N, C-alpha and C. Protein backbone atom coordinates (compact mmCIF):
# COMPACT_ATOMS: atom_id res chain seq x y z
N MET A 1 -0.98 -4.58 2.13
CA MET A 1 -2.06 -3.89 2.80
C MET A 1 -2.27 -2.56 2.09
N LEU A 2 -3.53 -2.17 2.00
CA LEU A 2 -3.87 -0.86 1.44
C LEU A 2 -4.31 0.06 2.56
N GLU A 3 -3.67 1.22 2.66
CA GLU A 3 -4.04 2.20 3.66
C GLU A 3 -5.13 3.09 3.08
N GLY A 4 -6.26 3.15 3.77
CA GLY A 4 -7.39 3.94 3.29
C GLY A 4 -7.24 5.42 3.57
N GLY A 5 -8.00 6.22 2.82
CA GLY A 5 -8.01 7.66 3.03
C GLY A 5 -8.82 8.02 4.27
N LEU A 6 -9.00 9.31 4.49
CA LEU A 6 -9.71 9.77 5.68
C LEU A 6 -11.20 9.45 5.63
N ASN A 7 -11.80 9.46 4.46
CA ASN A 7 -13.22 9.16 4.33
C ASN A 7 -13.42 7.71 3.92
N ARG A 8 -14.57 7.16 4.28
CA ARG A 8 -14.86 5.76 3.95
C ARG A 8 -14.86 5.53 2.45
N ASP A 9 -15.29 6.51 1.66
CA ASP A 9 -15.37 6.36 0.21
C ASP A 9 -14.10 6.79 -0.53
N SER A 10 -13.08 7.20 0.20
CA SER A 10 -11.83 7.63 -0.42
C SER A 10 -11.06 6.43 -0.97
N PRO A 11 -10.34 6.63 -2.06
CA PRO A 11 -9.50 5.53 -2.56
C PRO A 11 -8.31 5.32 -1.62
N PRO A 12 -7.67 4.17 -1.69
CA PRO A 12 -6.48 3.93 -0.86
C PRO A 12 -5.40 4.97 -1.16
N VAL A 13 -4.64 5.32 -0.13
CA VAL A 13 -3.61 6.33 -0.30
C VAL A 13 -2.20 5.76 -0.32
N ALA A 14 -2.01 4.54 0.18
CA ALA A 14 -0.67 3.96 0.21
C ALA A 14 -0.74 2.44 0.24
N VAL A 15 0.34 1.82 -0.20
CA VAL A 15 0.47 0.36 -0.17
C VAL A 15 1.57 0.02 0.83
N HIS A 16 1.32 -0.96 1.68
CA HIS A 16 2.27 -1.40 2.69
C HIS A 16 2.42 -2.92 2.62
N LEU A 17 3.55 -3.43 3.09
CA LEU A 17 3.71 -4.86 3.29
C LEU A 17 2.95 -5.24 4.56
N GLY A 18 2.51 -6.47 4.64
CA GLY A 18 1.81 -6.93 5.83
C GLY A 18 2.68 -6.77 7.06
N GLY A 19 2.09 -6.25 8.13
CA GLY A 19 2.83 -6.05 9.37
C GLY A 19 3.56 -4.73 9.48
N CYS A 20 3.46 -3.88 8.48
CA CYS A 20 4.14 -2.58 8.53
C CYS A 20 3.53 -1.71 9.63
N HIS A 21 4.38 -1.15 10.49
CA HIS A 21 3.90 -0.30 11.58
C HIS A 21 3.42 1.07 11.11
N MET A 22 3.70 1.44 9.89
CA MET A 22 3.32 2.75 9.36
C MET A 22 1.91 2.76 8.76
N ALA A 23 1.26 1.62 8.66
CA ALA A 23 -0.04 1.54 7.99
C ALA A 23 -1.15 2.26 8.74
N GLY A 24 -1.01 2.47 10.02
CA GLY A 24 -2.03 3.17 10.79
C GLY A 24 -3.24 2.28 11.04
N LYS A 25 -4.37 2.92 11.33
CA LYS A 25 -5.59 2.18 11.69
C LYS A 25 -6.51 1.93 10.51
N ARG A 26 -6.38 2.69 9.43
CA ARG A 26 -7.30 2.58 8.29
C ARG A 26 -6.68 1.74 7.18
N TRP A 27 -6.52 0.45 7.41
CA TRP A 27 -5.95 -0.42 6.39
C TRP A 27 -6.83 -1.63 6.20
N LYS A 28 -6.67 -2.25 5.05
CA LYS A 28 -7.36 -3.51 4.79
C LYS A 28 -6.43 -4.39 3.96
N GLY A 29 -6.62 -5.68 4.12
CA GLY A 29 -5.81 -6.62 3.37
C GLY A 29 -6.19 -6.58 1.90
N ALA A 30 -5.26 -6.93 1.07
CA ALA A 30 -5.52 -6.96 -0.37
C ALA A 30 -4.72 -8.10 -0.98
N PRO A 31 -5.24 -8.72 -2.03
CA PRO A 31 -4.46 -9.76 -2.69
C PRO A 31 -3.20 -9.15 -3.29
N ARG A 32 -2.16 -9.92 -3.43
CA ARG A 32 -0.88 -9.43 -3.92
C ARG A 32 -0.97 -8.63 -5.22
N PRO A 33 -1.74 -9.04 -6.22
CA PRO A 33 -1.80 -8.24 -7.45
C PRO A 33 -2.43 -6.87 -7.29
N ALA A 34 -3.14 -6.61 -6.19
CA ALA A 34 -3.80 -5.32 -6.02
C ALA A 34 -2.80 -4.17 -6.01
N GLY A 35 -1.60 -4.41 -5.54
CA GLY A 35 -0.60 -3.35 -5.51
C GLY A 35 0.03 -3.07 -6.85
N THR A 36 -0.29 -3.84 -7.86
CA THR A 36 0.37 -3.66 -9.16
C THR A 36 -0.47 -2.88 -10.16
N GLY A 37 -1.74 -2.67 -9.87
CA GLY A 37 -2.62 -1.99 -10.83
C GLY A 37 -2.50 -0.49 -10.76
N ARG A 38 -3.46 0.14 -10.12
CA ARG A 38 -3.47 1.58 -9.97
C ARG A 38 -2.26 2.06 -9.20
N ARG A 39 -1.78 3.23 -9.52
CA ARG A 39 -0.60 3.75 -8.84
C ARG A 39 -0.98 4.32 -7.48
N HIS A 40 -0.45 3.74 -6.44
CA HIS A 40 -0.59 4.24 -5.08
C HIS A 40 0.80 4.56 -4.58
N GLU A 41 0.87 5.43 -3.60
CA GLU A 41 2.16 5.75 -2.99
C GLU A 41 2.67 4.54 -2.22
N ALA A 42 3.92 4.19 -2.42
CA ALA A 42 4.53 3.07 -1.69
C ALA A 42 5.09 3.58 -0.37
N CYS A 43 4.90 2.83 0.68
CA CYS A 43 5.44 3.18 2.00
C CYS A 43 6.96 3.17 1.93
N GLY A 44 7.60 4.21 2.40
CA GLY A 44 9.06 4.30 2.38
C GLY A 44 9.75 3.28 3.26
N PRO A 45 9.33 3.12 4.53
CA PRO A 45 10.02 2.18 5.41
C PRO A 45 9.90 0.71 5.01
N CYS A 46 8.72 0.26 4.55
CA CYS A 46 8.56 -1.17 4.28
C CYS A 46 8.80 -1.53 2.81
N ARG A 47 8.84 -0.57 1.90
CA ARG A 47 9.18 -0.75 0.49
C ARG A 47 8.43 -1.88 -0.23
N PRO A 48 7.09 -1.82 -0.31
CA PRO A 48 6.36 -2.86 -1.01
C PRO A 48 6.68 -2.89 -2.50
N ASP A 49 7.12 -1.77 -3.07
CA ASP A 49 7.48 -1.75 -4.48
C ASP A 49 8.66 -2.66 -4.76
N ALA A 50 9.60 -2.73 -3.83
CA ALA A 50 10.75 -3.63 -3.99
C ALA A 50 10.30 -5.09 -3.91
N GLU A 51 9.40 -5.39 -2.99
CA GLU A 51 8.89 -6.76 -2.83
C GLU A 51 8.13 -7.21 -4.07
N LEU A 52 7.39 -6.28 -4.70
CA LEU A 52 6.61 -6.62 -5.89
C LEU A 52 7.43 -6.54 -7.17
N GLY A 53 8.66 -6.02 -7.10
CA GLY A 53 9.51 -5.94 -8.27
C GLY A 53 9.23 -4.75 -9.15
N HIS A 54 8.70 -3.65 -8.57
CA HIS A 54 8.38 -2.44 -9.33
C HIS A 54 9.27 -1.29 -8.92
N LEU A 55 10.54 -1.40 -9.17
CA LEU A 55 11.47 -0.32 -8.83
C LEU A 55 11.78 0.49 -10.07
N ASP A 56 11.82 1.81 -9.90
CA ASP A 56 12.20 2.69 -11.02
C ASP A 56 13.71 2.71 -11.14
N GLY A 57 14.17 2.71 -12.38
CA GLY A 57 15.60 2.83 -12.61
C GLY A 57 16.21 1.52 -12.73
């Protein structure tokens, strides 16, 4: 899931796994590869970066 910014035209601000309670109200579904392109902040509690295999170190 991609969490949207405060404005309708804002780029997404964070990536979440489906069902994450931290996503808030401004989210939309995205295909799995969407989280691998542009760098978005990964949600700390649900760790979508770990699910996608993009861990630093």
